[in-house]
Amino acid sequence: EKCPLAFWTVYHHLCSEAAGGDQTEEDPSQRLCREGGGGAAAGRPPEAEERPDLSQASVSNGSDSESGKELVELKVIWNKNKYDVKFRLDSTGADLKQKIHSLTGLPPAMQKVMFKGLLPEEKTLREIKVTNGAKIMVVGSTINDVLAVNTPKEAAQQEVKAEENKKEPLCRQKQHRKVLDKGKPDDVMPSVKGVQERLPTVPLSGMYNKSGGKVRLTFKLEQDQLWIGTKERTEKLPMGSIKNVVSEPIEGHEDYHMMAFQLGPTEASYYWVYWVPTQYVDAIKDTVLGKWQYF
């Protein structure tokens, strides 16, 4: 049992003597050594040889073959392009931004990702109840697009500022004075001086336009539009069509601004809005001109 080669050698010798010693058949010990000494050469029957342990075989459950995580099917929409994406349900909004970057080339910092409002980066898709077939809206421009579009806007803005410095303050000019002399609207939104805030989720209201009528501003980020609404109608303007935004504090009420959106090539195309709370001024400019502001 401990020395099978010796056993086979003696066995062959005895068989040779019984047959008259004239055997030319290959020595079994030599054959066993030639075959590597495994299995039967180690004194074990063939059925005792090792077989794979089927109890350790893995079974795919049809979800994520690499990690076994549950997937959700999304429709990512950006710039009239649609992408069908399968993504892990327990991934965060920040992870999804990285995926969108790989699809579109948009850097995460320049993405506004919308799902029932602005998508929170720190929460998982499961936590915000994303389901199969959900539409994810993405707003933003690539770095090259921003450089191509914003450089002329910045140059125009600098030219306008230079012209403004040569003139008397806007709030003293006759065309603005007739509106400002009406005083602050009764339903004007509260202002916070010396503070910058993100745009609120509700429209900015309680302001006047150049004719003294009430006006409200609604920022539709998922559509990349600014809605300017009055009692008579609502103008829906693509943000890319707005050439410039200018503003100036109102004398005696520096916590409010007068602001204009340039809709055409000349100053005659300015749409003026009065009594804009100062905390939203920078956020309005950055949103309309394509620069995202985080506070």
Protein backbone atom coordinates (compact mmCIF):
# COMPACT_ATOMS: atom_id res chain seq x y z
CA GLU A 1 0.00 0.00 0.00
CA LYS A 2 2.83 2.40 0.79
CA CYS A 3 4.97 1.29 -2.16
CA PRO A 4 2.83 0.37 -5.17
CA LEU A 5 5.78 0.35 -7.55
CA ALA A 6 7.47 -2.38 -5.55
CA PHE A 7 4.24 -4.39 -5.56
CA TRP A 8 3.92 -4.21 -9.33
CA THR A 9 7.58 -5.11 -9.81
CA VAL A 10 7.18 -8.33 -7.73
CA TYR A 11 3.88 -9.06 -9.47
CA HIS A 12 5.45 -8.74 -12.90
CA HIS A 13 8.39 -10.92 -11.87
CA LEU A 14 6.07 -13.72 -10.69
CA CYS A 15 4.01 -13.52 -13.85
CA SER A 16 7.15 -13.68 -15.97
CA GLU A 17 8.34 -16.82 -14.18
CA ALA A 18 4.93 -18.45 -14.62
CA ALA A 19 4.98 -17.68 -18.32
CA GLY A 20 8.44 -18.97 -18.80
CA GLY A 21 10.19 -15.64 -18.42
CA ASP A 22 9.64 -14.67 -22.08
CA GLN A 23 7.47 -11.56 -21.78
CA THR A 24 8.08 -8.56 -23.89
CA GLU A 25 5.11 -6.60 -22.59
CA GLU A 26 5.98 -3.21 -21.15
CA ASP A 27 6.77 -3.25 -17.46
CA PRO A 28 3.68 -1.87 -15.67
CA SER A 29 5.94 0.01 -13.29
CA GLN A 30 7.57 1.72 -16.26
CA ARG A 31 4.18 2.53 -17.79
CA LEU A 32 2.98 3.99 -14.53
CA CYS A 33 6.10 6.10 -14.14
CA ARG A 34 5.76 7.25 -17.78
CA GLU A 35 2.14 8.38 -17.16
CA GLY A 36 3.21 10.62 -14.32
CA GLY A 37 2.46 8.55 -11.25
CA GLY A 38 -0.92 10.26 -10.72
CA GLY A 39 -4.32 8.71 -10.05
CA ALA A 40 -3.84 4.94 -10.11
CA ALA A 41 -0.03 5.39 -9.91
CA ALA A 42 -0.50 6.71 -6.40
CA GLY A 43 -2.33 3.57 -5.43
CA ARG A 44 -5.82 5.08 -5.72
CA PRO A 45 -8.66 3.77 -7.89
CA PRO A 46 -9.81 6.04 -10.72
CA GLU A 47 -13.05 6.83 -8.98
CA ALA A 48 -11.08 8.28 -6.07
CA GLU A 49 -9.42 10.89 -8.24
CA GLU A 50 -10.22 14.55 -7.47
CA ARG A 51 -13.25 16.03 -9.17
CA PRO A 52 -14.33 19.70 -9.22
CA ASP A 53 -16.48 20.78 -6.27
CA LEU A 54 -19.73 21.76 -7.96
CA SER A 55 -21.04 23.22 -4.72
CA GLN A 56 -18.71 26.21 -5.25
CA ALA A 57 -20.04 27.12 -8.74
CA SER A 58 -21.43 30.64 -9.03
CA VAL A 59 -24.87 31.36 -10.44
CA SER A 60 -25.71 34.63 -12.23
CA ASN A 61 -28.91 36.31 -11.07
CA GLY A 62 -29.24 38.38 -14.23
CA SER A 63 -28.37 41.75 -12.69
CA ASP A 64 -24.86 43.18 -12.59
CA SER A 65 -22.59 40.27 -13.56
CA GLU A 66 -19.56 41.87 -11.94
CA SER A 67 -20.88 42.95 -8.57
CA GLY A 68 -24.33 41.42 -8.24
CA LYS A 69 -25.79 44.90 -7.62
CA GLU A 70 -29.31 45.78 -8.68
CA LEU A 71 -29.50 47.85 -11.87
CA VAL A 72 -32.00 50.45 -13.03
CA GLU A 73 -32.62 51.48 -16.65
CA LEU A 74 -32.40 55.25 -17.26
CA LYS A 75 -32.95 57.59 -20.19
CA VAL A 76 -30.34 60.36 -20.01
CA ILE A 77 -31.31 63.37 -22.16
CA TRP A 78 -28.80 66.11 -23.00
CA ASN A 79 -28.71 68.61 -25.84
CA LYS A 80 -31.36 66.68 -27.88
CA ASN A 81 -29.33 63.48 -27.45
CA LYS A 82 -30.77 60.46 -25.65
CA TYR A 83 -28.74 57.74 -23.95
CA ASP A 84 -30.11 54.44 -22.63
CA VAL A 85 -28.12 53.63 -19.50
CA LYS A 86 -28.16 50.75 -17.02
CA PHE A 87 -26.81 51.98 -13.71
CA ARG A 88 -26.47 50.65 -10.16
CA LEU A 89 -29.44 51.62 -8.02
CA ASP A 90 -27.25 52.09 -4.94
CA SER A 91 -24.87 54.51 -6.69
CA THR A 92 -24.96 58.20 -5.74
CA GLY A 93 -25.79 61.24 -7.79
CA ALA A 94 -22.06 62.01 -7.93
CA ASP A 95 -21.44 58.55 -9.45
CA LEU A 96 -24.12 59.22 -12.06
CA LYS A 97 -22.43 62.50 -12.98
CA GLN A 98 -19.22 60.59 -13.67
CA LYS A 99 -21.17 58.23 -15.94
CA ILE A 100 -22.73 61.19 -17.76
CA HIS A 101 -19.23 62.63 -18.19
CA SER A 102 -18.12 59.43 -19.94
CA LEU A 103 -21.17 59.60 -22.25
CA THR A 104 -21.25 63.30 -23.12
CA GLY A 105 -17.87 64.78 -22.26
CA LEU A 106 -19.53 67.21 -19.83
CA PRO A 107 -17.35 67.72 -16.71
CA PRO A 108 -19.35 66.93 -13.55
CA ALA A 109 -18.87 70.49 -12.25
CA MET A 110 -20.64 71.85 -15.35
CA GLN A 111 -23.60 69.48 -15.20
CA LYS A 112 -27.04 70.30 -13.87
CA VAL A 113 -28.72 66.91 -13.51
CA MET A 114 -32.49 67.01 -13.04
CA PHE A 115 -34.81 64.35 -11.63
CA LYS A 116 -37.82 65.82 -9.85
CA GLY A 117 -35.65 68.85 -9.22
CA LEU A 118 -31.88 69.12 -8.92
CA LEU A 119 -30.36 65.67 -8.38
CA PRO A 120 -28.58 65.53 -4.97
CA GLU A 121 -25.01 64.26 -5.32
CA GLU A 122 -24.79 62.65 -1.89
CA LYS A 123 -27.95 60.50 -2.11
CA THR A 124 -28.34 57.19 -3.92
CA LEU A 125 -30.72 56.63 -6.81
CA ARG A 126 -32.66 54.26 -4.56
CA GLU A 127 -33.08 56.95 -1.89
CA ILE A 128 -34.55 59.45 -4.34
CA LYS A 129 -36.85 56.72 -5.75
CA VAL A 130 -35.47 56.43 -9.28
CA THR A 131 -37.31 53.65 -11.12
CA ASN A 132 -36.88 51.82 -14.42
CA GLY A 133 -37.46 54.07 -17.42
CA ALA A 134 -36.85 57.29 -15.45
CA LYS A 135 -35.84 60.32 -17.52
CA ILE A 136 -32.72 62.15 -16.34
CA MET A 137 -32.41 65.67 -17.79
CA VAL A 138 -28.91 67.12 -18.12
CA VAL A 139 -28.20 70.81 -18.72
CA GLY A 140 -24.72 72.10 -19.40
CA SER A 141 -22.10 72.87 -22.01
CA THR A 142 -18.72 71.36 -22.71
CA ILE A 143 -15.65 73.48 -22.00
CA ASN A 144 -15.17 74.17 -25.71
CA ASP A 145 -18.78 75.31 -26.07
CA VAL A 146 -18.48 77.61 -23.07
CA LEU A 147 -15.33 79.21 -24.45
CA ALA A 148 -16.92 79.67 -27.86
CA VAL A 149 -20.14 81.20 -26.52
CA ASN A 150 -19.08 83.09 -23.42
CA THR A 151 -15.99 84.86 -24.71
CA PRO A 152 -18.03 87.23 -26.91
CA LYS A 153 -20.51 87.72 -24.05
CA GLU A 154 -17.73 88.62 -21.62
CA ALA A 155 -16.25 91.07 -24.11
CA ALA A 156 -19.65 92.65 -24.65
CA GLN A 157 -20.20 92.86 -20.91
CA GLN A 158 -16.90 94.67 -20.43
CA GLU A 159 -17.80 97.14 -23.17
CA VAL A 160 -21.16 97.82 -21.56
CA LYS A 161 -19.53 98.40 -18.18
CA ALA A 162 -17.08 100.84 -19.72
CA GLU A 163 -19.97 102.78 -21.26
CA GLU A 164 -21.87 102.75 -17.99
CA ASN A 165 -18.91 104.25 -16.16
CA LYS A 166 -19.04 107.25 -18.50
CA LYS A 167 -22.69 107.89 -17.77
CA GLU A 168 -24.60 108.95 -14.70
CA PRO A 169 -25.95 106.14 -12.51
CA LEU A 170 -28.78 104.25 -14.19
CA CYS A 171 -31.23 104.82 -11.38
CA ARG A 172 -30.95 108.62 -11.93
CA GLN A 173 -31.82 108.45 -15.61
CA LYS A 174 -35.28 109.69 -16.53
CA GLN A 175 -36.52 106.44 -18.08
CA HIS A 176 -35.79 104.52 -14.87
CA ARG A 177 -36.75 107.29 -12.49
CA LYS A 178 -40.40 107.19 -13.56
CA VAL A 179 -40.58 103.54 -12.43
CA LEU A 180 -38.47 103.84 -9.29
CA ASP A 181 -40.45 106.87 -8.09
CA LYS A 182 -43.46 104.57 -7.67
CA GLY A 183 -41.60 103.18 -4.69
CA LYS A 184 -41.04 99.61 -3.56
CA PRO A 185 -43.81 97.16 -4.54
CA ASP A 186 -45.99 96.00 -1.66
CA ASP A 187 -45.38 92.32 -2.46
CA VAL A 188 -41.64 92.61 -3.18
CA MET A 189 -39.59 89.58 -2.08
CA PRO A 190 -37.39 90.01 1.04
CA SER A 191 -33.77 90.94 0.43
CA VAL A 192 -30.60 90.00 2.30
CA LYS A 193 -27.78 92.49 1.82
CA GLY A 194 -24.20 91.21 1.61
CA VAL A 195 -25.23 87.59 0.97
CA GLN A 196 -25.21 85.51 -2.21
CA GLU A 197 -27.81 82.75 -2.53
CA ARG A 198 -28.79 80.14 -5.08
CA LEU A 199 -31.87 80.74 -7.17
CA PRO A 200 -35.02 79.75 -5.25
CA THR A 201 -37.20 76.91 -6.49
CA VAL A 202 -40.13 79.34 -6.89
CA PRO A 203 -40.33 82.22 -9.41
CA LEU A 204 -38.88 85.61 -8.45
CA SER A 205 -41.93 87.89 -8.17
CA GLY A 206 -43.04 91.24 -6.80
CA MET A 207 -40.97 93.29 -9.30
CA TYR A 208 -41.74 95.97 -11.91
CA ASN A 209 -40.86 96.13 -15.62
CA LYS A 210 -40.06 99.36 -17.50
CA SER A 211 -43.76 100.18 -17.98
CA GLY A 212 -44.41 99.85 -14.25
CA GLY A 213 -46.31 96.57 -14.59
CA LYS A 214 -45.76 93.58 -12.34
CA VAL A 215 -43.27 91.01 -13.64
CA ARG A 216 -41.93 87.65 -12.46
CA LEU A 217 -38.87 85.62 -13.51
CA THR A 218 -38.99 81.83 -13.72
CA PHE A 219 -35.77 79.88 -14.39
CA LYS A 220 -36.53 76.61 -16.18
CA LEU A 221 -33.16 74.92 -15.79
CA GLU A 222 -34.31 71.59 -17.22
CA GLN A 223 -35.29 73.43 -20.45
CA ASP A 224 -32.44 75.97 -20.32
CA GLN A 225 -35.00 78.80 -20.55
CA LEU A 226 -35.87 82.04 -18.75
CA TRP A 227 -39.60 82.79 -18.56
CA ILE A 228 -40.49 86.48 -18.18
CA GLY A 229 -44.11 86.67 -17.11
CA THR A 230 -46.52 89.60 -16.89
CA LYS A 231 -50.27 89.80 -16.42
CA GLU A 232 -50.75 89.76 -20.19
CA ARG A 233 -48.32 87.04 -21.34
CA THR A 234 -45.21 84.96 -20.66
CA GLU A 235 -42.10 85.18 -22.86
CA LYS A 236 -40.06 81.95 -22.96
CA LEU A 237 -36.47 82.84 -23.82
CA PRO A 238 -33.63 80.32 -24.44
CA MET A 239 -30.81 81.38 -22.14
CA GLY A 240 -28.37 81.16 -25.04
CA SER A 241 -30.28 83.93 -26.82
CA ILE A 242 -29.67 86.45 -24.02
CA LYS A 243 -26.58 88.45 -24.98
CA ASN A 244 -25.83 90.06 -21.64
CA VAL A 245 -27.12 90.87 -18.15
CA VAL A 246 -26.44 94.18 -16.38
CA SER A 247 -27.49 95.38 -12.94
CA GLU A 248 -27.04 98.27 -10.54
CA PRO A 249 -28.05 98.84 -6.90
CA ILE A 250 -30.97 101.22 -6.42
CA GLU A 251 -29.85 104.38 -4.61
CA GLY A 252 -31.26 104.53 -1.12
CA HIS A 253 -32.27 100.84 -1.36
CA GLU A 254 -28.95 99.09 -2.02
CA ASP A 255 -30.38 95.74 -0.95
CA TYR A 256 -32.34 95.77 -4.24
CA HIS A 257 -31.11 96.05 -7.83
CA MET A 258 -32.43 97.13 -11.18
CA MET A 259 -31.47 94.56 -13.82
CA ALA A 260 -31.62 94.29 -17.62
CA PHE A 261 -31.51 91.32 -20.00
CA GLN A 262 -30.09 92.13 -23.44
CA LEU A 263 -32.30 90.35 -25.98
CA GLY A 264 -30.81 91.90 -29.13
CA PRO A 265 -27.66 93.63 -30.43
CA THR A 266 -28.34 97.13 -29.02
CA GLU A 267 -29.34 98.80 -25.77
CA ALA A 268 -32.83 99.28 -27.15
CA SER A 269 -33.34 95.52 -26.72
CA TYR A 270 -32.77 95.64 -22.93
CA TYR A 271 -35.64 94.23 -20.87
CA TRP A 272 -35.56 96.06 -17.53
CA VAL A 273 -36.67 94.60 -14.20
CA TYR A 274 -36.73 96.64 -10.98
CA TRP A 275 -36.50 95.65 -7.30
CA VAL A 276 -34.54 92.40 -7.73
CA PRO A 277 -33.36 91.13 -4.29
CA THR A 278 -29.59 91.60 -4.13
CA GLN A 279 -28.87 88.06 -2.86
CA TYR A 280 -30.01 86.58 -6.18
CA VAL A 281 -28.25 88.97 -8.58
CA ASP A 282 -25.04 86.95 -9.06
CA ALA A 283 -26.92 83.65 -9.37
CA ILE A 284 -29.15 85.15 -12.08
CA LYS A 285 -26.16 86.41 -14.07
CA ASP A 286 -24.25 83.16 -13.79
CA THR A 287 -27.24 81.02 -14.74
CA VAL A 288 -28.24 83.08 -17.76
CA LEU A 289 -24.67 83.48 -19.05
CA GLY A 290 -23.90 79.78 -18.63
CA LYS A 291 -21.71 79.85 -15.51
CA TRP A 292 -22.82 77.62 -12.65
CA GLN A 293 -22.63 79.02 -9.15
CA TYR A 294 -22.41 76.82 -6.03
CA PHE A 295 -22.77 78.17 -2.50
